[in-house]
Amino acid sequence: MSDAAYHHEGDILELEGLLSVETVSRYFDIGIKCLEQSSGGLQIDLAKSDIVGSAAIALLIAWQRRALYLKKKFSIVNAPGHFLDMAKLSGVSDILPFADAG
């Protein structure tokens, strides 16, 4: 998979490529800017991302905190199963708003 890339349209931010400790810093400001520009919130789509390690959890929590501060909606869709498992093991699966978690 490619290095950090994204696609932003409307209130959807699609993360593409590697999401790891080496790349989350590149995504941080992008997510904050997208949140601030959104009309009512932001949906993070992880369908095209390759998540390695737990750095993505910290990134999503930071974005969620900013969304709460801005009083905007925030949700995460298409999270890979291994990432949902990692969030559960880390104790944050009930904190992060996984829209499609079963």
PDB file of N, CA and C in Angstrom:
ATOM      1  N   MET A   1       0.834  -1.181   0.000  1.00  0.00           N
ATOM      2  CA  MET A   1       0.000   0.000   0.000  1.00  0.00           C
ATOM      3  C   MET A   1       0.878   1.244   0.000  1.00  0.00           C
ATOM      4  N   SER A   2       0.344   2.309  -0.530  1.00  0.00           N
ATOM      5  CA  SER A   2       1.118   3.540  -0.619  1.00  0.00           C
ATOM      6  C   SER A   2       1.265   4.202   0.743  1.00  0.00           C
ATOM      7  N   ASP A   3       2.178   5.137   0.790  1.00  0.00           N
ATOM      8  CA  ASP A   3       2.389   5.914   1.994  1.00  0.00           C
ATOM      9  C   ASP A   3       1.158   6.782   2.247  1.00  0.00           C
ATOM     10  N   ALA A   4       1.173   7.598   3.251  1.00  0.00           N
ATOM     11  CA  ALA A   4       0.027   8.408   3.661  1.00  0.00           C
ATOM     12  C   ALA A   4      -0.572   9.202   2.506  1.00  0.00           C
ATOM     13  N   ALA A   5      -1.857   8.976   2.277  1.00  0.00           N
ATOM     14  CA  ALA A   5      -2.613   9.695   1.264  1.00  0.00           C
ATOM     15  C   ALA A   5      -4.042   9.826   1.763  1.00  0.00           C
ATOM     16  N   TYR A   6      -4.798  10.720   1.145  1.00  0.00           N
ATOM     17  CA  TYR A   6      -6.177  10.912   1.583  1.00  0.00           C
ATOM     18  C   TYR A   6      -7.006  11.496   0.457  1.00  0.00           C
ATOM     19  N   HIS A   7      -8.318  11.414   0.643  1.00  0.00           N
ATOM     20  CA  HIS A   7      -9.261  12.046  -0.268  1.00  0.00           C
ATOM     21  C   HIS A   7     -10.339  12.684   0.599  1.00  0.00           C
ATOM     22  N   HIS A   8     -10.569  13.971   0.414  1.00  0.00           N
ATOM     23  CA  HIS A   8     -11.564  14.690   1.213  1.00  0.00           C
ATOM     24  C   HIS A   8     -12.614  15.278   0.288  1.00  0.00           C
ATOM     25  N   GLU A   9     -13.858  14.911   0.568  1.00  0.00           N
ATOM     26  CA  GLU A   9     -14.971  15.459  -0.198  1.00  0.00           C
ATOM     27  C   GLU A   9     -16.150  15.632   0.740  1.00  0.00           C
ATOM     28  N   GLY A  10     -16.640  16.853   0.833  1.00  0.00           N
ATOM     29  CA  GLY A  10     -17.763  17.128   1.732  1.00  0.00           C
ATOM     30  C   GLY A  10     -17.374  16.859   3.171  1.00  0.00           C
ATOM     31  N   ASP A  11     -18.159  16.025   3.824  1.00  0.00           N
ATOM     32  CA  ASP A  11     -17.895  15.701   5.223  1.00  0.00           C
ATOM     33  C   ASP A  11     -17.298  14.303   5.380  1.00  0.00           C
ATOM     34  N   ILE A  12     -16.636  13.815   4.327  1.00  0.00           N
ATOM     35  CA  ILE A  12     -15.999  12.500   4.369  1.00  0.00           C
ATOM     36  C   ILE A  12     -14.502  12.647   4.106  1.00  0.00           C
ATOM     37  N   LEU A  13     -13.719  12.072   5.001  1.00  0.00           N
ATOM     38  CA  LEU A  13     -12.267  12.029   4.839  1.00  0.00           C
ATOM     39  C   LEU A  13     -11.874  10.557   4.705  1.00  0.00           C
ATOM     40  N   GLU A  14     -11.391  10.213   3.527  1.00  0.00           N
ATOM     41  CA  GLU A  14     -10.989   8.843   3.239  1.00  0.00           C
ATOM     42  C   GLU A  14      -9.467   8.754   3.363  1.00  0.00           C
ATOM     43  N   LEU A  15      -9.010   7.946   4.323  1.00  0.00           N
ATOM     44  CA  LEU A  15      -7.580   7.750   4.504  1.00  0.00           C
ATOM     45  C   LEU A  15      -7.132   6.596   3.634  1.00  0.00           C
ATOM     46  N   GLU A  16      -6.020   6.796   2.935  1.00  0.00           N
ATOM     47  CA  GLU A  16      -5.520   5.786   2.001  1.00  0.00           C
ATOM     48  C   GLU A  16      -4.064   5.485   2.312  1.00  0.00           C
ATOM     49  N   GLY A  17      -3.706   4.227   2.200  1.00  0.00           N
ATOM     50  CA  GLY A  17      -2.316   3.854   2.390  1.00  0.00           C
ATOM     51  C   GLY A  17      -1.999   3.512   3.828  1.00  0.00           C
ATOM     52  N   LEU A  18      -0.734   3.582   4.131  1.00  0.00           N
ATOM     53  CA  LEU A  18      -0.222   3.159   5.424  1.00  0.00           C
ATOM     54  C   LEU A  18      -0.596   4.135   6.529  1.00  0.00           C
ATOM     55  N   LEU A  19      -1.150   3.610   7.597  1.00  0.00           N
ATOM     56  CA  LEU A  19      -1.479   4.390   8.787  1.00  0.00           C
ATOM     57  C   LEU A  19      -0.708   3.762   9.938  1.00  0.00           C
ATOM     58  N   SER A  20       0.425   4.368  10.273  1.00  0.00           N
ATOM     59  CA  SER A  20       1.336   3.802  11.273  1.00  0.00           C
ATOM     60  C   SER A  20       1.983   4.941  12.057  1.00  0.00           C
ATOM     61  N   VAL A  21       2.828   4.578  12.986  1.00  0.00           N
ATOM     62  CA  VAL A  21       3.512   5.589  13.787  1.00  0.00           C
ATOM     63  C   VAL A  21       4.327   6.535  12.894  1.00  0.00           C
ATOM     64  N   GLU A  22       4.783   6.041  11.765  1.00  0.00           N
ATOM     65  CA  GLU A  22       5.570   6.875  10.854  1.00  0.00           C
ATOM     66  C   GLU A  22       4.722   7.846  10.040  1.00  0.00           C
ATOM     67  N   THR A  23       3.426   7.583   9.893  1.00  0.00           N
ATOM     68  CA  THR A  23       2.602   8.417   9.008  1.00  0.00           C
ATOM     69  C   THR A  23       1.507   9.223   9.701  1.00  0.00           C
ATOM     70  N   VAL A  24       1.157   8.903  10.944  1.00  0.00           N
ATOM     71  CA  VAL A  24       0.015   9.607  11.556  1.00  0.00           C
ATOM     72  C   VAL A  24       0.243  11.106  11.687  1.00  0.00           C
ATOM     73  N   SER A  25       1.473  11.528  11.881  1.00  0.00           N
ATOM     74  CA  SER A  25       1.720  12.966  12.006  1.00  0.00           C
ATOM     75  C   SER A  25       1.360  13.703  10.711  1.00  0.00           C
ATOM     76  N   ARG A  26       1.473  13.027   9.576  1.00  0.00           N
ATOM     77  CA  ARG A  26       1.099  13.644   8.292  1.00  0.00           C
ATOM     78  C   ARG A  26      -0.412  13.800   8.183  1.00  0.00           C
ATOM     79  N   TYR A  27      -1.143  12.906   8.823  1.00  0.00           N
ATOM     80  CA  TYR A  27      -2.604  12.955   8.773  1.00  0.00           C
ATOM     81  C   TYR A  27      -3.212  13.939   9.778  1.00  0.00           C
ATOM     82  N   PHE A  28      -2.526  14.201  10.893  1.00  0.00           N
ATOM     83  CA  PHE A  28      -3.116  14.961  11.985  1.00  0.00           C
ATOM     84  C   PHE A  28      -3.702  16.303  11.532  1.00  0.00           C
ATOM     85  N   ASP A  29      -2.877  17.156  10.945  1.00  0.00           N
ATOM     86  CA  ASP A  29      -3.340  18.485  10.535  1.00  0.00           C
ATOM     87  C   ASP A  29      -4.414  18.417   9.451  1.00  0.00           C
ATOM     88  N   ILE A  30      -4.326  17.408   8.596  1.00  0.00           N
ATOM     89  CA  ILE A  30      -5.343  17.234   7.550  1.00  0.00           C
ATOM     90  C   ILE A  30      -6.706  17.014   8.188  1.00  0.00           C
ATOM     91  N   GLY A  31      -6.767  16.122   9.164  1.00  0.00           N
ATOM     92  CA  GLY A  31      -8.034  15.835   9.840  1.00  0.00           C
ATOM     93  C   GLY A  31      -8.590  17.038  10.578  1.00  0.00           C
ATOM     94  N   ILE A  32      -7.721  17.777  11.234  1.00  0.00           N
ATOM     95  CA  ILE A  32      -8.163  18.977  11.965  1.00  0.00           C
ATOM     96  C   ILE A  32      -8.744  19.998  10.986  1.00  0.00           C
ATOM     97  N   LYS A  33      -8.048  20.218   9.878  1.00  0.00           N
ATOM     98  CA  LYS A  33      -8.522  21.173   8.872  1.00  0.00           C
ATOM     99  C   LYS A  33      -9.865  20.731   8.289  1.00  0.00           C
ATOM    100  N   CYS A  34      -9.996  19.450   7.991  1.00  0.00           N
ATOM    101  CA  CYS A  34     -11.257  18.928   7.446  1.00  0.00           C
ATOM    102  C   CYS A  34     -12.394  19.090   8.445  1.00  0.00           C
ATOM    103  N   LEU A  35     -12.121  18.845   9.711  1.00  0.00           N
ATOM    104  CA  LEU A  35     -13.136  19.036  10.753  1.00  0.00           C
ATOM    105  C   LEU A  35     -13.579  20.495  10.820  1.00  0.00           C
ATOM    106  N   GLU A  36     -12.622  21.388  10.811  1.00  0.00           N
ATOM    107  CA  GLU A  36     -12.938  22.808  10.920  1.00  0.00           C
ATOM    108  C   GLU A  36     -13.717  23.309   9.710  1.00  0.00           C
ATOM    109  N   GLN A  37     -13.488  22.716   8.538  1.00  0.00           N
ATOM    110  CA  GLN A  37     -14.176  23.128   7.322  1.00  0.00           C
ATOM    111  C   GLN A  37     -15.515  22.428   7.115  1.00  0.00           C
ATOM    112  N   SER A  38     -15.759  21.362   7.859  1.00  0.00           N
ATOM    113  CA  SER A  38     -16.983  20.583   7.642  1.00  0.00           C
ATOM    114  C   SER A  38     -18.213  21.360   8.076  1.00  0.00           C
ATOM    115  N   SER A  39     -19.330  21.035   7.443  1.00  0.00           N
ATOM    116  CA  SER A  39     -20.572  21.729   7.773  1.00  0.00           C
ATOM    117  C   SER A  39     -21.149  21.258   9.094  1.00  0.00           C
ATOM    118  N   GLY A  40     -21.071  19.975   9.370  1.00  0.00           N
ATOM    119  CA  GLY A  40     -21.655  19.488  10.615  1.00  0.00           C
ATOM    120  C   GLY A  40     -20.853  18.409  11.286  1.00  0.00           C
ATOM    121  N   GLY A  41     -19.810  17.962  10.640  1.00  0.00           N
ATOM    122  CA  GLY A  41     -19.000  16.904  11.219  1.00  0.00           C
ATOM    123  C   GLY A  41     -18.150  16.229  10.176  1.00  0.00           C
ATOM    124  N   LEU A  42     -17.567  15.125  10.568  1.00  0.00           N
ATOM    125  CA  LEU A  42     -16.649  14.439   9.675  1.00  0.00           C
ATOM    126  C   LEU A  42     -16.778  12.934   9.861  1.00  0.00           C
ATOM    127  N   GLN A  43     -16.821  12.240   8.745  1.00  0.00           N
ATOM    128  CA  GLN A  43     -16.829  10.783   8.747  1.00  0.00           C
ATOM    129  C   GLN A  43     -15.476  10.325   8.216  1.00  0.00           C
ATOM    130  N   ILE A  44     -14.795   9.507   9.010  1.00  0.00           N
ATOM    131  CA  ILE A  44     -13.489   8.982   8.624  1.00  0.00           C
ATOM    132  C   ILE A  44     -13.695   7.601   8.019  1.00  0.00           C
ATOM    133  N   ASP A  45     -13.280   7.427   6.776  1.00  0.00           N
ATOM    134  CA  ASP A  45     -13.426   6.150   6.083  1.00  0.00           C
ATOM    135  C   ASP A  45     -12.061   5.465   6.026  1.00  0.00           C
ATOM    136  N   LEU A  46     -11.985   4.293   6.636  1.00  0.00           N
ATOM    137  CA  LEU A  46     -10.719   3.560   6.706  1.00  0.00           C
ATOM    138  C   LEU A  46     -10.635   2.404   5.708  1.00  0.00           C
ATOM    139  N   ALA A  47     -11.562   2.322   4.761  1.00  0.00           N
ATOM    140  CA  ALA A  47     -11.619   1.190   3.826  1.00  0.00           C
ATOM    141  C   ALA A  47     -10.331   1.004   3.028  1.00  0.00           C
ATOM    142  N   LYS A  48      -9.664   2.082   2.683  1.00  0.00           N
ATOM    143  CA  LYS A  48      -8.467   1.991   1.843  1.00  0.00           C
ATOM    144  C   LYS A  48      -7.177   2.174   2.629  1.00  0.00           C
ATOM    145  N   SER A  49      -7.263   2.051   3.945  1.00  0.00           N
ATOM    146  CA  SER A  49      -6.065   2.246   4.763  1.00  0.00           C
ATOM    147  C   SER A  49      -5.512   0.910   5.234  1.00  0.00           C
ATOM    148  N   ASP A  50      -4.234   0.903   5.454  1.00  0.00           N
ATOM    149  CA  ASP A  50      -3.523  -0.254   5.982  1.00  0.00           C
ATOM    150  C   ASP A  50      -3.006   0.154   7.356  1.00  0.00           C
ATOM    151  N   ILE A  51      -3.719  -0.277   8.401  1.00  0.00           N
ATOM    152  CA  ILE A  51      -3.405   0.158   9.760  1.00  0.00           C
ATOM    153  C   ILE A  51      -2.424  -0.807  10.395  1.00  0.00           C
ATOM    154  N   VAL A  52      -1.291  -0.250  10.825  1.00  0.00           N
ATOM    155  CA  VAL A  52      -0.245  -1.024  11.478  1.00  0.00           C
ATOM    156  C   VAL A  52       0.052  -0.378  12.822  1.00  0.00           C
ATOM    157  N   GLY A  53      -0.149  -1.115  13.906  1.00  0.00           N
ATOM    158  CA  GLY A  53       0.127  -0.590  15.236  1.00  0.00           C
ATOM    159  C   GLY A  53      -1.015   0.243  15.774  1.00  0.00           C
ATOM    160  N   SER A  54      -0.783   0.830  16.928  1.00  0.00           N
ATOM    161  CA  SER A  54      -1.847   1.542  17.644  1.00  0.00           C
ATOM    162  C   SER A  54      -1.824   3.057  17.464  1.00  0.00           C
ATOM    163  N   ALA A  55      -0.932   3.577  16.659  1.00  0.00           N
ATOM    164  CA  ALA A  55      -0.857   5.031  16.464  1.00  0.00           C
ATOM    165  C   ALA A  55      -2.159   5.589  15.903  1.00  0.00           C
ATOM    166  N   ALA A  56      -2.857   4.800  15.107  1.00  0.00           N
ATOM    167  CA  ALA A  56      -4.132   5.248  14.533  1.00  0.00           C
ATOM    168  C   ALA A  56      -5.157   5.517  15.622  1.00  0.00           C
ATOM    169  N   ILE A  57      -5.107   4.747  16.699  1.00  0.00           N
ATOM    170  CA  ILE A  57      -6.038   4.974  17.813  1.00  0.00           C
ATOM    171  C   ILE A  57      -5.830   6.362  18.390  1.00  0.00           C
ATOM    172  N   ALA A  58      -4.586   6.724  18.636  1.00  0.00           N
ATOM    173  CA  ALA A  58      -4.278   8.052  19.178  1.00  0.00           C
ATOM    174  C   ALA A  58      -4.728   9.157  18.232  1.00  0.00           C
ATOM    175  N   LEU A  59      -4.516   8.952  16.942  1.00  0.00           N
ATOM    176  CA  LEU A  59      -4.923   9.938  15.942  1.00  0.00           C
ATOM    177  C   LEU A  59      -6.438  10.138  15.965  1.00  0.00           C
ATOM    178  N   LEU A  60      -7.179   9.047  15.955  1.00  0.00           N
ATOM    179  CA  LEU A  60      -8.640   9.142  15.938  1.00  0.00           C
ATOM    180  C   LEU A  60      -9.188   9.750  17.225  1.00  0.00           C
ATOM    181  N   ILE A  61      -8.574   9.440  18.357  1.00  0.00           N
ATOM    182  CA  ILE A  61      -8.997  10.056  19.618  1.00  0.00           C
ATOM    183  C   ILE A  61      -8.740  11.559  19.580  1.00  0.00           C
ATOM    184  N   ALA A  62      -7.605  11.980  19.038  1.00  0.00           N
ATOM    185  CA  ALA A  62      -7.304  13.418  18.933  1.00  0.00           C
ATOM    186  C   ALA A  62      -8.323  14.119  18.044  1.00  0.00           C
ATOM    187  N   TRP A  63      -8.665  13.510  16.914  1.00  0.00           N
ATOM    188  CA  TRP A  63      -9.674  14.107  16.027  1.00  0.00           C
ATOM    189  C   TRP A  63     -11.044  14.146  16.697  1.00  0.00           C
ATOM    190  N   GLN A  64     -11.366  13.089  17.418  1.00  0.00           N
ATOM    191  CA  GLN A  64     -12.654  13.060  18.108  1.00  0.00           C
ATOM    192  C   GLN A  64     -12.729  14.165  19.161  1.00  0.00           C
ATOM    193  N   ARG A  65     -11.664  14.371  19.888  1.00  0.00           N
ATOM    194  CA  ARG A  65     -11.629  15.447  20.893  1.00  0.00           C
ATOM    195  C   ARG A  65     -11.836  16.814  20.236  1.00  0.00           C
ATOM    196  N   ARG A  66     -11.220  17.022  19.084  1.00  0.00           N
ATOM    197  CA  ARG A  66     -11.390  18.288  18.369  1.00  0.00           C
ATOM    198  C   ARG A  66     -12.835  18.440  17.896  1.00  0.00           C
ATOM    199  N   ALA A  67     -13.422  17.355  17.421  1.00  0.00           N
ATOM    200  CA  ALA A  67     -14.825  17.393  16.989  1.00  0.00           C
ATOM    201  C   ALA A  67     -15.732  17.759  18.158  1.00  0.00           C
ATOM    202  N   LEU A  68     -15.488  17.176  19.317  1.00  0.00           N
ATOM    203  CA  LEU A  68     -16.286  17.520  20.502  1.00  0.00           C
ATOM    204  C   LEU A  68     -16.121  18.999  20.857  1.00  0.00           C
ATOM    205  N   TYR A  69     -14.892  19.482  20.779  1.00  0.00           N
ATOM    206  CA  TYR A  69     -14.611  20.895  21.056  1.00  0.00           C
ATOM    207  C   TYR A  69     -15.358  21.803  20.080  1.00  0.00           C
ATOM    208  N   LEU A  70     -15.401  21.394  18.820  1.00  0.00           N
ATOM    209  CA  LEU A  70     -16.084  22.184  17.784  1.00  0.00           C
ATOM    210  C   LEU A  70     -17.591  21.930  17.742  1.00  0.00           C
ATOM    211  N   LYS A  71     -18.056  20.987  18.589  1.00  0.00           N
ATOM    212  CA  LYS A  71     -19.470  20.602  18.624  1.00  0.00           C
ATOM    213  C   LYS A  71     -19.944  20.070  17.265  1.00  0.00           C
ATOM    214  N   LYS A  72     -19.107  19.198  16.696  1.00  0.00           N
ATOM    215  CA  LYS A  72     -19.416  18.589  15.404  1.00  0.00           C
ATOM    216  C   LYS A  72     -19.463  17.078  15.550  1.00  0.00           C
ATOM    217  N   LYS A  73     -20.215  16.446  14.666  1.00  0.00           N
ATOM    218  CA  LYS A  73     -20.315  14.990  14.666  1.00  0.00           C
ATOM    219  C   LYS A  73     -19.008  14.392  14.163  1.00  0.00           C
ATOM    220  N   PHE A  74     -18.746  13.177  14.617  1.00  0.00           N
ATOM    221  CA  PHE A  74     -17.529  12.478  14.223  1.00  0.00           C
ATOM    222  C   PHE A  74     -17.829  10.989  14.227  1.00  0.00           C
ATOM    223  N   SER A  75     -17.498  10.303  13.132  1.00  0.00           N
ATOM    224  CA  SER A  75     -17.699   8.859  13.091  1.00  0.00           C
ATOM    225  C   SER A  75     -16.614   8.202  12.244  1.00  0.00           C
ATOM    226  N   ILE A  76     -16.460   6.910  12.484  1.00  0.00           N
ATOM    227  CA  ILE A  76     -15.439   6.121  11.789  1.00  0.00           C
ATOM    228  C   ILE A  76     -16.152   4.959  11.109  1.00  0.00           C
ATOM    229  N   VAL A  77     -15.924   4.799   9.808  1.00  0.00           N
ATOM    230  CA  VAL A  77     -16.549   3.704   9.067  1.00  0.00           C
ATOM    231  C   VAL A  77     -15.487   2.838   8.391  1.00  0.00           C
ATOM    232  N   ASN A  78     -15.888   1.626   8.071  1.00  0.00           N
ATOM    233  CA  ASN A  78     -15.033   0.677   7.347  1.00  0.00           C
ATOM    234  C   ASN A  78     -13.717   0.384   8.056  1.00  0.00           C
ATOM    235  N   ALA A  79     -13.779   0.329   9.385  1.00  0.00           N
ATOM    236  CA  ALA A  79     -12.579  -0.023  10.142  1.00  0.00           C
ATOM    237  C   ALA A  79     -12.300  -1.515   9.968  1.00  0.00           C
ATOM    238  N   PRO A  80     -11.061  -1.881   9.670  1.00  0.00           N
ATOM    239  CA  PRO A  80     -10.724  -3.297   9.514  1.00  0.00           C
ATOM    240  C   PRO A  80     -10.928  -4.059  10.829  1.00  0.00           C
ATOM    241  N   GLY A  81     -11.248  -5.330  10.709  1.00  0.00           N
ATOM    242  CA  GLY A  81     -11.498  -6.150  11.895  1.00  0.00           C
ATOM    243  C   GLY A  81     -10.356  -6.157  12.884  1.00  0.00           C
ATOM    244  N   HIS A  82      -9.117  -6.240  12.390  1.00  0.00           N
ATOM    245  CA  HIS A  82      -7.980  -6.255  13.318  1.00  0.00           C
ATOM    246  C   HIS A  82      -7.859  -4.930  14.076  1.00  0.00           C
ATOM    247  N   PHE A  83      -8.276  -3.835  13.451  1.00  0.00           N
ATOM    248  CA  PHE A  83      -8.232  -2.543  14.128  1.00  0.00           C
ATOM    249  C   PHE A  83      -9.317  -2.457  15.199  1.00  0.00           C
ATOM    250  N   LEU A  84     -10.497  -2.983  14.902  1.00  0.00           N
ATOM    251  CA  LEU A  84     -11.565  -3.026  15.902  1.00  0.00           C
ATOM    252  C   LEU A  84     -11.133  -3.875  17.097  1.00  0.00           C
ATOM    253  N   ASP A  85     -10.455  -4.988  16.822  1.00  0.00           N
ATOM    254  CA  ASP A  85      -9.940  -5.836  17.902  1.00  0.00           C
ATOM    255  C   ASP A  85      -8.914  -5.085  18.745  1.00  0.00           C
ATOM    256  N   MET A  86      -8.029  -4.340  18.082  1.00  0.00           N
ATOM    257  CA  MET A  86      -7.010  -3.569  18.786  1.00  0.00           C
ATOM    258  C   MET A  86      -7.660  -2.495  19.663  1.00  0.00           C
ATOM    259  N   ALA A  87      -8.681  -1.844  19.132  1.00  0.00           N
ATOM    260  CA  ALA A  87      -9.390  -0.823  19.904  1.00  0.00           C
ATOM    261  C   ALA A  87     -10.060  -1.445  21.128  1.00  0.00           C
ATOM    262  N   LYS A  88     -10.625  -2.624  20.952  1.00  0.00           N
ATOM    263  CA  LYS A  88     -11.276  -3.314  22.067  1.00  0.00           C
ATOM    264  C   LYS A  88     -10.249  -3.693  23.130  1.00  0.00           C
ATOM    265  N   LEU A  89      -9.129  -4.260  22.704  1.00  0.00           N
ATOM    266  CA  LEU A  89      -8.072  -4.643  23.638  1.00  0.00           C
ATOM    267  C   LEU A  89      -7.470  -3.432  24.354  1.00  0.00           C
ATOM    268  N   SER A  90      -7.457  -2.295  23.672  1.00  0.00           N
ATOM    269  CA  SER A  90      -6.908  -1.063  24.254  1.00  0.00           C
ATOM    270  C   SER A  90      -7.910  -0.368  25.165  1.00  0.00           C
ATOM    271  N   GLY A  91      -9.147  -0.838  25.162  1.00  0.00           N
ATOM    272  CA  GLY A  91     -10.173  -0.243  26.014  1.00  0.00           C
ATOM    273  C   GLY A  91     -10.807   1.014  25.453  1.00  0.00           C
ATOM    274  N   VAL A  92     -10.688   1.235  24.140  1.00  0.00           N
ATOM    275  CA  VAL A  92     -11.251   2.453  23.552  1.00  0.00           C
ATOM    276  C   VAL A  92     -12.385   2.177  22.574  1.00  0.00           C
ATOM    277  N   SER A  93     -12.778   0.925  22.426  1.00  0.00           N
ATOM    278  CA  SER A  93     -13.834   0.612  21.456  1.00  0.00           C
ATOM    279  C   SER A  93     -15.166   1.252  21.831  1.00  0.00           C
ATOM    280  N   ASP A  94     -15.378   1.508  23.116  1.00  0.00           N
ATOM    281  CA  ASP A  94     -16.608   2.179  23.534  1.00  0.00           C
ATOM    282  C   ASP A  94     -16.480   3.696  23.504  1.00  0.00           C
ATOM    283  N   ILE A  95     -15.264   4.181  23.324  1.00  0.00           N
ATOM    284  CA  ILE A  95     -15.029   5.632  23.282  1.00  0.00           C
ATOM    285  C   ILE A  95     -15.061   6.147  21.853  1.00  0.00           C
ATOM    286  N   LEU A  96     -14.416   5.422  20.948  1.00  0.00           N
ATOM    287  CA  LEU A  96     -14.384   5.844  19.549  1.00  0.00           C
ATOM    288  C   LEU A  96     -15.691   5.473  18.854  1.00  0.00           C
ATOM    289  N   PRO A  97     -16.228   6.378  18.039  1.00  0.00           N
ATOM    290  CA  PRO A  97     -17.528   6.157  17.399  1.00  0.00           C
ATOM    291  C   PRO A  97     -17.440   5.351  16.103  1.00  0.00           C
ATOM    292  N   PHE A  98     -17.260   4.043  16.243  1.00  0.00           N
ATOM    293  CA  PHE A  98     -17.241   3.162  15.078  1.00  0.00           C
ATOM    294  C   PHE A  98     -18.677   2.970  14.605  1.00  0.00           C
ATOM    295  N   ALA A  99     -19.009   3.554  13.464  1.00  0.00           N
ATOM    296  CA  ALA A  99     -20.385   3.557  12.972  1.00  0.00           C
ATOM    297  C   ALA A  99     -20.849   2.178  12.536  1.00  0.00           C
ATOM    298  N   ASP A 100     -19.944   1.353  12.067  1.00  0.00           N
ATOM    299  CA  ASP A 100     -20.352   0.064  11.524  1.00  0.00           C
ATOM    300  C   ASP A 100     -19.820  -1.112  12.320  1.00  0.00           C
ATOM    301  N   ALA A 101     -19.466  -0.867  13.578  1.00  0.00           N
ATOM    302  CA  ALA A 101     -18.938  -1.955  14.406  1.00  0.00           C
ATOM    303  C   ALA A 101     -20.080  -2.857  14.850  1.00  0.00           C
ATOM    304  N   GLY A 102     -19.845  -4.154  14.755  1.00  0.00           N
ATOM    305  CA  GLY A 102     -20.853  -5.133  15.141  1.00  0.00           C
ATOM    306  C   GLY A 102     -20.603  -5.568  16.501  1.00  0.00           C
TER     307      GLY A 102
END
